[in-house]
N, C-alpha and C. Protein backbone atom coordinates (compact mmCIF):
# COMPACT_ATOMS: atom_id res chain seq x y z
N MET A 1 0.79 -1.23 0.12
CA MET A 1 0.16 0.00 -0.16
C MET A 1 1.03 1.28 -0.15
N THR A 2 0.53 2.39 -0.92
CA THR A 2 1.48 3.61 -1.12
C THR A 2 1.01 4.32 -0.08
N GLY A 3 1.80 4.96 0.47
CA GLY A 3 1.63 6.24 1.49
C GLY A 3 1.20 7.48 1.08
N ILE A 4 0.39 8.24 1.44
CA ILE A 4 0.14 9.56 1.07
C ILE A 4 0.96 10.53 1.53
N SER A 5 1.48 11.18 0.84
CA SER A 5 2.26 12.28 1.13
C SER A 5 1.94 13.51 1.65
N PRO A 6 2.35 14.28 2.34
CA PRO A 6 2.05 15.65 3.01
C PRO A 6 1.37 16.55 2.10
N GLN A 7 1.92 16.62 0.85
CA GLN A 7 1.08 17.33 -0.40
C GLN A 7 0.18 16.96 -0.56
N GLN A 8 -0.24 15.46 -0.93
CA GLN A 8 -1.60 15.24 -1.39
C GLN A 8 -2.46 15.37 -0.17
N LEU A 9 -2.20 15.34 1.29
CA LEU A 9 -2.81 15.34 2.01
C LEU A 9 -3.64 16.56 2.07
N ALA A 10 -2.47 17.72 1.97
CA ALA A 10 -3.01 19.26 2.02
C ALA A 10 -4.01 19.49 0.64
N ALA A 11 -3.78 18.74 -0.23
CA ALA A 11 -4.42 19.07 -1.48
C ALA A 11 -5.97 18.45 -0.99
N ALA A 12 -5.93 17.36 -0.84
CA ALA A 12 -7.22 16.63 -0.42
C ALA A 12 -8.00 17.68 0.90
N ILE A 13 -7.36 18.22 1.48
CA ILE A 13 -8.02 18.98 2.33
C ILE A 13 -8.63 20.28 1.79
N ARG A 14 -7.61 21.06 1.03
CA ARG A 14 -8.18 22.31 0.56
C ARG A 14 -9.74 21.77 -0.28
N GLY A 15 -9.26 20.76 -1.20
CA GLY A 15 -10.73 20.35 -2.25
C GLY A 15 -11.82 20.28 -1.17
N ALA A 16 -11.74 19.25 -0.10
CA ALA A 16 -12.91 19.56 0.75
C ALA A 16 -13.39 20.88 1.12
N ALA A 17 -12.47 21.73 1.59
CA ALA A 17 -12.94 22.92 2.03
C ALA A 17 -13.38 23.72 1.00
N VAL A 18 -12.90 23.56 -0.48
CA VAL A 18 -13.74 23.99 -1.46
C VAL A 18 -15.07 23.87 -1.70
N GLU A 19 -15.19 22.48 -1.69
CA GLU A 19 -16.67 21.72 -1.85
C GLU A 19 -17.51 22.00 -0.71
N ALA A 20 -16.99 22.21 0.16
CA ALA A 20 -17.92 22.56 1.79
C ALA A 20 -18.49 23.80 1.31
N GLY A 21 -17.68 24.68 1.09
CA GLY A 21 -18.06 26.47 0.92
C GLY A 21 -18.81 26.53 -0.32
N GLN A 22 -18.77 25.60 -1.57
CA GLN A 22 -19.63 25.80 -2.60
C GLN A 22 -21.37 25.51 -1.77
N THR A 23 -21.56 24.99 -0.70
CA THR A 23 -22.77 24.72 -0.07
C THR A 23 -23.01 25.85 0.81
N ALA A 24 -22.19 26.47 1.36
CA ALA A 24 -22.45 27.25 2.62
C ALA A 24 -22.80 28.50 2.17
N PRO A 25 -23.93 29.12 2.43
CA PRO A 25 -24.27 30.42 2.18
C PRO A 25 -23.21 31.61 2.67
N VAL A 26 -22.57 31.60 3.88
CA VAL A 26 -21.80 32.56 4.19
C VAL A 26 -20.51 32.65 3.42
N VAL A 27 -19.89 31.58 2.79
CA VAL A 27 -18.93 31.36 1.79
C VAL A 27 -19.27 31.79 0.63
N ARG A 28 -20.69 31.47 -0.12
CA ARG A 28 -20.67 31.88 -1.40
C ARG A 28 -21.41 32.91 -1.61
N GLY A 29 -21.71 33.70 -0.60
CA GLY A 29 -22.35 34.77 -0.82
C GLY A 29 -23.81 35.30 -0.32
N ALA A 30 -24.56 34.44 -0.45
CA ALA A 30 -26.03 34.54 -0.17
C ALA A 30 -27.06 33.32 -0.49
N ASP A 31 -27.90 33.11 0.23
CA ASP A 31 -28.84 32.00 0.09
C ASP A 31 -30.49 32.16 0.35
N TRP A 32 -31.13 31.56 -0.14
CA TRP A 32 -32.62 31.76 0.18
C TRP A 32 -33.15 30.30 0.25
N ARG A 33 -34.44 30.47 1.06
CA ARG A 33 -35.20 29.18 1.26
C ARG A 33 -36.52 29.61 1.75
N LEU A 34 -37.38 28.59 1.87
CA LEU A 34 -38.82 28.86 2.12
C LEU A 34 -38.81 28.38 3.67
N ALA A 35 -39.64 29.19 4.54
CA ALA A 35 -39.70 29.16 5.78
C ALA A 35 -41.21 29.45 6.26
N THR A 36 -41.50 28.78 7.35
CA THR A 36 -42.94 28.95 7.99
C THR A 36 -42.85 29.90 9.23
N VAL A 37 -43.54 31.11 9.29
CA VAL A 37 -43.45 31.96 10.43
C VAL A 37 -44.17 31.17 11.63
N THR A 38 -43.33 31.30 12.73
CA THR A 38 -43.70 30.73 13.92
C THR A 38 -43.95 31.91 14.93
N THR A 39 -43.57 33.27 14.74
CA THR A 39 -43.78 34.49 15.64
C THR A 39 -43.48 35.82 15.01
N VAL A 40 -44.56 36.45 14.99
CA VAL A 40 -44.50 37.91 14.50
C VAL A 40 -43.92 38.90 15.87
N ASN A 41 -42.93 39.45 15.38
CA ASN A 41 -42.36 40.37 16.32
C ASN A 41 -42.59 41.91 16.32
N THR A 42 -42.76 42.74 17.26
CA THR A 42 -43.17 44.08 17.27
C THR A 42 -42.15 44.97 16.61
N ASP A 43 -41.00 44.49 16.35
CA ASP A 43 -39.87 45.30 15.91
C ASP A 43 -39.64 45.23 14.20
N GLY A 44 -40.48 44.48 13.55
CA GLY A 44 -40.54 44.29 12.16
C GLY A 44 -39.70 43.31 11.71
N THR A 45 -39.76 42.31 12.70
CA THR A 45 -38.98 40.76 12.17
C THR A 45 -40.02 39.62 12.48
N VAL A 46 -39.67 38.73 11.84
CA VAL A 46 -40.70 37.17 12.26
C VAL A 46 -39.71 36.32 12.69
N ASP A 47 -40.00 35.67 13.43
CA ASP A 47 -39.20 34.27 13.52
C ASP A 47 -39.79 32.95 12.89
N CYS A 48 -38.69 32.28 12.05
CA CYS A 48 -39.23 31.13 11.45
C CYS A 48 -38.10 30.02 12.12
N ASP A 49 -38.64 29.29 13.34
CA ASP A 49 -37.79 28.40 13.96
C ASP A 49 -36.52 29.36 14.40
N GLU A 50 -35.47 28.95 14.15
CA GLU A 50 -34.24 29.52 14.65
C GLU A 50 -33.81 30.56 13.85
N ILE A 51 -34.54 31.08 12.99
CA ILE A 51 -34.04 32.22 12.07
C ILE A 51 -35.00 33.26 12.29
N ARG A 52 -34.37 34.64 12.52
CA ARG A 52 -34.99 35.83 12.81
C ARG A 52 -34.73 36.57 11.52
N ALA A 53 -35.79 37.19 10.77
CA ALA A 53 -35.50 37.83 9.49
C ALA A 53 -36.31 39.31 9.66
N ARG A 54 -35.71 40.19 8.88
CA ARG A 54 -36.53 41.45 8.87
C ARG A 54 -37.38 41.44 7.99
N ARG A 55 -38.56 42.07 8.05
CA ARG A 55 -39.58 42.09 6.74
C ARG A 55 -39.17 43.23 5.90
N LEU A 56 -39.42 43.11 4.69
CA LEU A 56 -39.56 44.25 3.84
C LEU A 56 -40.82 44.79 3.57
N PRO A 57 -40.74 45.82 3.10
CA PRO A 57 -42.01 46.68 2.78
C PRO A 57 -43.10 45.94 2.04
N SER A 58 -42.82 45.00 1.23
CA SER A 58 -43.60 44.36 0.34
C SER A 58 -44.52 43.17 1.35
N TYR A 59 -43.89 42.99 2.85
CA TYR A 59 -44.59 42.01 3.53
C TYR A 59 -45.30 42.82 4.75
N PRO A 60 -46.38 43.41 4.85
CA PRO A 60 -46.78 44.55 5.70
C PRO A 60 -47.61 43.80 6.62
N ALA A 61 -48.23 42.88 6.43
CA ALA A 61 -49.22 41.88 7.37
C ALA A 61 -48.74 40.48 7.82
N PRO A 62 -47.71 40.24 8.36
CA PRO A 62 -47.24 38.92 8.79
C PRO A 62 -48.55 38.21 9.55
N GLN A 63 -48.48 36.95 9.53
CA GLN A 63 -49.40 36.13 10.50
C GLN A 63 -48.60 34.83 10.68
N THR A 64 -48.63 34.52 11.92
CA THR A 64 -48.08 33.01 12.19
C THR A 64 -48.67 32.16 11.34
N GLY A 65 -47.88 31.14 10.74
CA GLY A 65 -48.40 30.20 9.77
C GLY A 65 -48.07 30.11 8.34
N ASP A 66 -47.73 31.71 8.03
CA ASP A 66 -47.41 32.32 6.63
C ASP A 66 -46.16 31.21 6.18
N VAL A 67 -46.04 30.94 5.05
CA VAL A 67 -45.05 30.32 4.33
C VAL A 67 -44.58 31.21 3.71
N ILE A 68 -43.09 31.98 3.85
CA ILE A 68 -42.52 32.99 3.17
C ILE A 68 -41.07 32.62 2.53
N VAL A 69 -40.61 33.47 1.76
CA VAL A 69 -39.52 33.45 1.17
C VAL A 69 -38.26 34.11 2.23
N VAL A 70 -37.49 33.48 2.58
CA VAL A 70 -36.21 34.39 3.20
C VAL A 70 -34.97 34.41 2.61
N THR A 71 -34.19 34.98 2.76
CA THR A 71 -32.76 35.17 2.06
C THR A 71 -31.91 35.80 3.15
N ARG A 72 -30.71 35.09 2.79
CA ARG A 72 -29.59 35.45 3.77
C ARG A 72 -28.48 36.21 3.14
N SER A 73 -27.76 37.20 3.71
CA SER A 73 -26.86 38.05 3.08
C SER A 73 -25.39 37.19 3.48
N SER A 74 -24.26 37.76 2.86
CA SER A 74 -23.09 37.23 3.05
C SER A 74 -22.78 37.39 4.58
N SER A 75 -22.95 38.50 5.07
CA SER A 75 -22.56 38.72 6.59
C SER A 75 -23.77 37.77 7.65
N GLY A 76 -24.56 37.03 6.85
CA GLY A 76 -25.25 36.24 7.94
C GLY A 76 -26.75 36.79 8.25
N ASN A 77 -27.04 37.99 7.79
CA ASN A 77 -28.52 38.64 8.14
C ASN A 77 -29.31 38.09 7.26
N TRP A 78 -30.74 37.88 7.73
CA TRP A 78 -31.69 37.28 7.21
C TRP A 78 -32.88 38.45 6.90
N MET A 79 -33.65 38.09 5.89
CA MET A 79 -34.39 39.30 5.31
C MET A 79 -35.75 38.39 4.78
N ALA A 80 -37.10 38.84 5.15
CA ALA A 80 -38.13 37.93 4.93
C ALA A 80 -38.96 38.95 3.42
N PHE A 81 -38.74 38.14 2.47
CA PHE A 81 -39.53 39.04 1.38
C PHE A 81 -40.73 38.60 1.32
N GLY A 82 -41.51 38.01 1.66
CA GLY A 82 -43.11 37.94 1.74
C GLY A 82 -43.88 36.51 1.73
N ARG A 83 -45.11 36.49 1.99
CA ARG A 83 -45.72 35.29 1.95
C ARG A 83 -45.75 34.33 0.48
N LEU A 84 -46.20 33.12 0.25
CA LEU A 84 -46.08 32.93 -1.11
C LEU A 84 -47.63 32.24 -1.09
N GLU A 85 -48.38 32.42 -2.06
CA GLU A 85 -49.76 31.91 -2.47
C GLU A 85 -50.01 30.59 -1.76
N SER A 86 -51.28 30.67 -1.06
CA SER A 86 -51.27 29.07 -0.57
C SER A 86 -52.61 28.79 -1.46
N THR A 87 -53.47 29.54 -2.53
CA THR A 87 -54.43 29.08 -3.02
C THR A 87 -54.34 29.71 -4.31
N GLY A 88 -54.84 28.92 -5.44
CA GLY A 88 -54.98 29.28 -6.69
C GLY A 88 -55.52 30.49 -6.75
N ALA A 89 -54.83 31.57 -7.85
CA ALA A 89 -55.15 32.84 -8.18
C ALA A 89 -56.44 32.83 -8.81
N GLY A 90 -57.53 33.85 -8.81
CA GLY A 90 -58.46 34.23 -9.59
C GLY A 90 -60.00 34.54 -8.68
N TRP A 91 -60.78 35.05 -9.59
CA TRP A 91 -61.88 35.23 -8.99
C TRP A 91 -62.84 34.31 -8.34
N THR A 92 -63.31 34.84 -7.24
CA THR A 92 -64.50 33.81 -6.36
C THR A 92 -65.78 34.36 -6.42
N SER A 93 -66.65 33.34 -6.80
CA SER A 93 -68.31 33.81 -6.97
C SER A 93 -68.63 34.24 -5.78
N LEU A 94 -69.42 35.56 -5.55
CA LEU A 94 -69.68 35.99 -4.25
C LEU A 94 -71.35 35.39 -4.38
N THR A 95 -71.55 34.83 -3.19
CA THR A 95 -73.19 34.17 -2.79
C THR A 95 -73.86 35.48 -2.37
N LEU A 96 -74.90 35.82 -3.09
CA LEU A 96 -75.60 36.90 -2.86
C LEU A 96 -77.18 36.35 -2.11
N ALA A 97 -77.36 37.28 -1.05
CA ALA A 97 -78.70 37.33 -0.25
C ALA A 97 -79.87 36.60 -0.93
N SER A 98 -80.66 36.00 -0.61
CA SER A 98 -82.13 35.57 -1.13
C SER A 98 -82.92 36.71 -1.52
N GLY A 99 -83.17 36.62 -2.81
CA GLY A 99 -83.55 37.76 -3.60
C GLY A 99 -83.09 38.52 -4.52
N TYR A 100 -81.67 38.16 -4.39
CA TYR A 100 -80.75 38.84 -5.57
C TYR A 100 -80.14 38.22 -6.21
N GLN A 101 -79.44 38.67 -7.74
CA GLN A 101 -79.03 37.87 -8.71
C GLN A 101 -78.24 38.73 -9.52
N TRP A 102 -77.64 38.20 -10.46
CA TRP A 102 -76.95 38.73 -11.59
C TRP A 102 -77.83 39.23 -12.52
N PRO A 103 -77.96 40.66 -12.80
CA PRO A 103 -78.93 41.06 -13.71
C PRO A 103 -78.72 40.67 -15.33
N GLY A 104 -77.82 39.76 -15.31
CA GLY A 104 -77.44 39.62 -16.99
C GLY A 104 -76.50 40.20 -17.64
N HIS A 105 -75.96 41.19 -17.12
CA HIS A 105 -75.41 42.03 -17.90
C HIS A 105 -73.88 42.34 -17.07
N GLY A 106 -72.68 42.83 -17.76
CA GLY A 106 -71.74 43.12 -17.12
C GLY A 106 -71.30 42.05 -16.37
N TYR A 107 -70.12 41.83 -15.31
CA TYR A 107 -69.61 40.71 -14.78
C TYR A 107 -70.20 40.10 -13.72
N SER A 108 -70.30 38.68 -13.42
CA SER A 108 -71.12 38.33 -12.45
C SER A 108 -70.38 38.66 -11.04
N PRO A 109 -71.18 38.67 -9.98
CA PRO A 109 -70.50 39.00 -8.85
C PRO A 109 -69.30 38.15 -8.30
N ALA A 110 -68.54 38.99 -7.94
CA ALA A 110 -67.09 37.97 -7.66
C ALA A 110 -66.18 39.01 -6.84
N TYR A 111 -65.17 38.39 -6.23
CA TYR A 111 -64.28 38.87 -5.26
C TYR A 111 -62.79 38.26 -5.64
N LEU A 112 -61.89 38.96 -5.41
CA LEU A 112 -60.50 38.52 -5.49
C LEU A 112 -59.65 38.90 -4.39
N VAL A 113 -59.02 38.20 -3.83
CA VAL A 113 -57.92 38.22 -2.78
C VAL A 113 -56.62 38.12 -3.00
N GLN A 114 -55.80 39.20 -3.05
CA GLN A 114 -54.64 39.30 -3.08
C GLN A 114 -53.74 39.84 -1.67
N GLY A 115 -53.29 38.42 -1.13
CA GLY A 115 -52.53 39.02 0.06
C GLY A 115 -53.81 39.48 1.10
N ARG A 116 -53.64 40.64 1.67
CA ARG A 116 -54.68 41.26 2.72
C ARG A 116 -55.58 42.13 1.77
N GLN A 117 -55.43 42.23 0.37
CA GLN A 117 -56.39 43.22 -0.02
C GLN A 117 -57.44 42.41 -0.75
N VAL A 118 -58.61 42.93 -0.79
CA VAL A 118 -60.11 42.37 -1.17
C VAL A 118 -60.34 43.34 -2.33
N THR A 119 -60.85 42.67 -3.52
CA THR A 119 -61.46 43.40 -4.52
C THR A 119 -62.61 42.98 -5.06
N PHE A 120 -63.62 43.65 -5.30
CA PHE A 120 -65.02 43.18 -6.04
C PHE A 120 -65.19 43.62 -7.12
N ARG A 121 -65.80 42.76 -7.99
CA ARG A 121 -66.54 43.28 -9.52
C ARG A 121 -67.99 42.82 -9.31
N GLY A 122 -68.49 43.22 -10.60
CA GLY A 122 -69.72 42.56 -10.98
C GLY A 122 -70.96 43.31 -10.62
N ARG A 123 -72.04 42.91 -11.01
CA ARG A 123 -73.25 43.61 -11.09
C ARG A 123 -74.43 42.88 -10.29
N VAL A 124 -75.43 43.35 -9.35
CA VAL A 124 -76.25 42.64 -8.60
C VAL A 124 -77.52 43.61 -8.82
N GLY A 125 -78.57 43.04 -8.86
CA GLY A 125 -79.99 43.29 -9.16
C GLY A 125 -81.06 42.24 -8.17
N PRO A 126 -82.20 42.96 -7.62
CA PRO A 126 -83.07 42.28 -7.13
C PRO A 126 -83.86 41.32 -8.31
N SER A 127 -84.26 40.08 -7.87
CA SER A 127 -85.20 39.22 -8.62
C SER A 127 -86.28 39.93 -9.33
N SER A 128 -86.88 40.95 -8.72
CA SER A 128 -87.75 41.69 -9.53
C SER A 128 -87.72 43.24 -8.79
N GLY A 129 -88.24 44.20 -9.36
CA GLY A 129 -88.30 45.40 -8.71
C GLY A 129 -86.99 46.18 -8.67
N THR A 130 -86.78 46.93 -7.46
CA THR A 130 -85.62 47.67 -7.26
C THR A 130 -84.98 47.35 -5.70
N ILE A 131 -83.79 47.90 -5.56
CA ILE A 131 -83.14 47.52 -4.23
C ILE A 131 -83.57 48.55 -3.39
N ALA A 132 -84.10 47.89 -2.23
CA ALA A 132 -84.54 48.89 -1.28
C ALA A 132 -83.62 49.23 -0.42
N ASN A 133 -83.68 50.75 -0.03
CA ASN A 133 -82.89 51.30 0.81
C ASN A 133 -82.22 50.55 2.15
N GLY A 134 -81.08 50.43 2.16
CA GLY A 134 -80.43 49.68 3.53
C GLY A 134 -80.75 48.21 3.43
N SER A 135 -80.87 47.62 2.10
CA SER A 135 -81.18 45.93 1.85
C SER A 135 -79.60 45.57 1.91
N THR A 136 -79.62 44.22 2.41
CA THR A 136 -78.52 43.37 2.46
C THR A 136 -78.56 42.62 1.40
N ILE A 137 -77.54 42.92 0.52
CA ILE A 137 -77.32 42.15 -0.71
C ILE A 137 -76.70 40.80 -0.64
N ALA A 138 -75.52 40.97 0.35
CA ALA A 138 -74.84 39.77 0.53
C ALA A 138 -74.03 39.69 1.75
N THR A 139 -73.45 38.51 2.32
CA THR A 139 -72.87 38.49 3.44
C THR A 139 -71.44 37.99 2.89
N ILE A 140 -70.34 39.00 3.35
CA ILE A 140 -69.02 38.72 3.01
C ILE A 140 -68.42 37.51 3.70
N PRO A 141 -67.87 36.50 3.17
CA PRO A 141 -67.12 35.20 4.05
C PRO A 141 -66.12 35.80 4.96
N THR A 142 -66.23 35.20 6.11
CA THR A 142 -65.43 35.58 7.46
C THR A 142 -64.04 35.94 7.26
N ALA A 143 -63.44 35.13 6.43
CA ALA A 143 -62.06 35.08 5.96
C ALA A 143 -61.47 36.45 5.65
N ILE A 144 -62.52 37.22 4.98
CA ILE A 144 -62.23 38.36 4.03
C ILE A 144 -62.88 39.65 4.53
N ARG A 145 -63.43 39.63 5.73
CA ARG A 145 -64.07 40.89 6.23
C ARG A 145 -63.28 41.83 6.49
N PRO A 146 -63.81 43.16 6.53
CA PRO A 146 -62.86 44.43 6.95
C PRO A 146 -62.87 44.33 8.65
N PRO A 147 -61.80 44.69 9.24
CA PRO A 147 -61.31 44.39 10.42
C PRO A 147 -62.43 44.96 11.41
N ALA A 148 -62.87 44.29 12.68
CA ALA A 148 -63.57 44.67 13.60
C ALA A 148 -63.96 45.95 13.99
N GLY A 149 -65.03 46.20 13.90
CA GLY A 149 -65.24 47.78 13.89
C GLY A 149 -65.21 48.89 13.08
N VAL A 150 -64.90 48.21 11.85
CA VAL A 150 -64.89 49.12 10.82
C VAL A 150 -66.11 48.67 9.81
N GLU A 151 -66.56 49.93 9.24
CA GLU A 151 -67.65 49.91 8.18
C GLU A 151 -67.08 50.92 7.31
N VAL A 152 -67.11 50.40 6.05
CA VAL A 152 -66.47 51.06 4.81
C VAL A 152 -67.71 51.34 4.05
N GLY A 153 -67.56 52.73 3.56
CA GLY A 153 -68.72 52.85 2.65
C GLY A 153 -68.08 53.03 1.09
N PHE A 154 -68.76 53.07 0.04
CA PHE A 154 -68.33 53.13 -1.29
C PHE A 154 -69.32 53.77 -2.23
N GLY A 155 -68.79 54.87 -3.08
CA GLY A 155 -69.67 55.02 -4.11
C GLY A 155 -69.57 53.93 -5.28
N VAL A 156 -70.79 53.65 -5.63
CA VAL A 156 -70.70 52.51 -6.48
C VAL A 156 -71.60 52.84 -7.91
N ALA A 157 -71.58 52.40 -9.16
CA ALA A 157 -72.21 52.74 -10.15
C ALA A 157 -73.73 52.09 -10.02
N ARG A 158 -74.74 52.52 -10.71
CA ARG A 158 -76.26 51.96 -10.76
C ARG A 158 -76.78 52.18 -12.01
N ASP A 159 -78.03 51.92 -12.17
CA ASP A 159 -78.64 51.79 -13.39
C ASP A 159 -78.45 53.48 -13.64
N SER A 160 -78.46 53.56 -15.11
CA SER A 160 -77.92 55.10 -15.34
C SER A 160 -79.49 55.99 -15.70
N SER A 161 -80.50 55.46 -15.00
CA SER A 161 -81.68 56.27 -15.39
C SER A 161 -81.68 57.67 -14.36
N ILE A 162 -80.81 57.43 -13.56
CA ILE A 162 -80.85 58.77 -12.36
C ILE A 162 -79.44 59.31 -12.61
N ASN A 163 -79.11 60.63 -12.18
CA ASN A 163 -77.88 61.25 -12.21
C ASN A 163 -77.80 62.04 -10.97
N PRO A 164 -76.58 61.90 -10.36
CA PRO A 164 -75.40 60.93 -10.63
C PRO A 164 -76.11 59.55 -10.40
N ALA A 165 -75.39 58.65 -11.25
CA ALA A 165 -75.67 57.29 -11.24
C ALA A 165 -75.00 56.46 -10.22
N VAL A 166 -74.76 57.09 -8.98
CA VAL A 166 -74.31 56.27 -7.81
C VAL A 166 -75.12 56.17 -6.66
N VAL A 167 -74.77 54.96 -5.82
CA VAL A 167 -75.47 54.59 -4.57
C VAL A 167 -74.19 54.52 -3.60
N ARG A 168 -74.69 54.48 -2.33
CA ARG A 168 -73.65 54.13 -1.34
C ARG A 168 -73.84 52.55 -0.83
N ALA A 169 -72.54 51.83 -1.16
CA ALA A 169 -72.37 50.44 -0.52
C ALA A 169 -71.66 50.56 0.79
N GLU A 170 -71.99 49.64 1.51
CA GLU A 170 -71.29 49.60 2.87
C GLU A 170 -71.07 48.16 3.26
N ILE A 171 -70.04 47.67 3.74
CA ILE A 171 -69.64 46.49 4.40
C ILE A 171 -69.08 46.78 5.67
N THR A 172 -69.89 46.10 6.78
CA THR A 172 -69.70 45.77 8.17
C THR A 172 -68.48 45.05 8.62
N ASP A 173 -68.30 45.29 9.83
CA ASP A 173 -67.08 44.17 10.26
C ASP A 173 -67.77 42.83 10.26
N ALA A 174 -69.25 42.59 10.52
CA ALA A 174 -69.87 41.51 10.34
C ALA A 174 -69.89 40.72 8.94
N GLY A 175 -69.55 41.81 7.86
CA GLY A 175 -69.65 41.17 6.68
C GLY A 175 -70.82 41.49 5.70
N ILE A 176 -71.75 42.42 6.50
CA ILE A 176 -72.77 42.62 5.80
C ILE A 176 -72.60 43.75 4.81
N LEU A 177 -73.07 43.39 3.52
CA LEU A 177 -73.00 44.05 2.34
C LEU A 177 -74.57 45.05 2.21
N ARG A 178 -74.51 46.03 2.29
CA ARG A 178 -75.79 46.66 2.36
C ARG A 178 -75.77 48.08 1.14
N ILE A 179 -76.81 48.30 0.75
CA ILE A 179 -76.72 49.68 -0.52
C ILE A 179 -77.78 50.62 0.24
N TYR A 180 -77.31 51.90 0.17
CA TYR A 180 -78.27 52.93 0.63
C TYR A 180 -78.51 54.11 -0.40
N GLU A 181 -79.87 54.52 -0.62
CA GLU A 181 -80.14 55.45 -1.35
C GLU A 181 -81.31 56.06 -1.02
N THR A 182 -81.32 57.37 -0.74
CA THR A 182 -82.60 57.90 -0.15
C THR A 182 -83.73 57.95 -0.91
N THR A 183 -83.47 58.06 -2.32
CA THR A 183 -84.84 58.17 -3.10
C THR A 183 -84.28 57.30 -4.45
N ASN A 184 -85.37 57.03 -5.45
CA ASN A 184 -85.03 56.74 -6.45
C ASN A 184 -84.30 55.33 -6.63
N GLN A 185 -84.66 54.29 -6.04
CA GLN A 185 -84.00 53.00 -5.61
C GLN A 185 -83.33 52.28 -6.67
N PRO A 186 -82.06 51.83 -7.07
CA PRO A 186 -81.81 51.15 -8.06
C PRO A 186 -82.21 49.94 -8.58
N SER A 187 -82.20 49.71 -10.05
CA SER A 187 -82.50 48.47 -10.36
C SER A 187 -81.36 47.49 -10.32
N TRP A 188 -80.25 47.96 -10.66
CA TRP A 188 -78.95 47.38 -10.39
C TRP A 188 -77.99 48.22 -9.75
N ILE A 189 -77.04 47.47 -9.22
CA ILE A 189 -75.48 48.29 -8.90
C ILE A 189 -74.30 47.59 -9.37
N ALA A 190 -73.25 48.37 -9.57
CA ALA A 190 -72.13 47.38 -9.99
C ALA A 190 -71.11 47.44 -8.56
N LEU A 191 -70.50 46.37 -8.58
CA LEU A 191 -69.53 45.99 -7.14
C LEU A 191 -68.29 46.63 -7.61
N ASP A 192 -67.97 47.09 -9.13
CA ASP A 192 -66.60 47.54 -9.48
C ASP A 192 -65.90 48.50 -8.68
N GLY A 193 -64.87 48.14 -8.22
CA GLY A 193 -63.92 49.14 -7.57
C GLY A 193 -64.20 49.04 -6.05
N ILE A 194 -64.69 48.52 -5.61
CA ILE A 194 -65.01 48.17 -3.97
C ILE A 194 -63.45 47.10 -3.47
N THR A 195 -62.48 47.93 -2.97
CA THR A 195 -61.52 47.52 -2.41
C THR A 195 -61.25 47.82 -1.08
N TYR A 196 -60.64 47.03 -0.21
CA TYR A 196 -60.33 47.25 1.30
C TYR A 196 -59.32 46.30 1.27
N TRP A 197 -58.74 46.51 2.70
CA TRP A 197 -57.62 45.65 3.35
C TRP A 197 -58.38 44.90 4.60
N THR A 198 -57.77 43.52 4.78
CA THR A 198 -58.28 42.89 5.73
C THR A 198 -57.54 43.03 7.02
N ILE A 199 -56.60 44.09 7.28
CA ILE A 199 -56.00 44.49 8.30
C ILE A 199 -56.23 45.82 9.00
């Protein structure tokens, strides 16, 4: 059996060090990974098990359980880029209250959730007649309601027989979507442009 020279041993050690360095983020400059938020801190950071990462402005409303992208700098500091989508993107049909329906023109009633932002579109009308003042036309799902204690009013389009052709829509913290018009009740309204944050 041939012995290993000191030079061969040194070369082997150098090779192992290079190989290890290629997989170490501190050596190669940076790294990123997926992580699950375990704690949301008050100083702009989140904990993901043993990692504490500082949030970017693009991640304004963290929650425990979020699956996020974190990255590490060459100095060892971690940053949280933000959450990944947990469901397929797209519009979800809005379930209307009894006596209300899509009037057959424009988009059908639906909402889109993008992070903590909710956007509505589509038209709603009664099965017959007009929408009475203060009527509840839908109840918004719990997961996307405005925060507790907040009632949000919006000016929305309506049938164009009245000018200005707008009415007030209100979504309460209980998720009740109501329509208000003191006179000349609308035969349909458009939800297009109703947008709010769930934080």
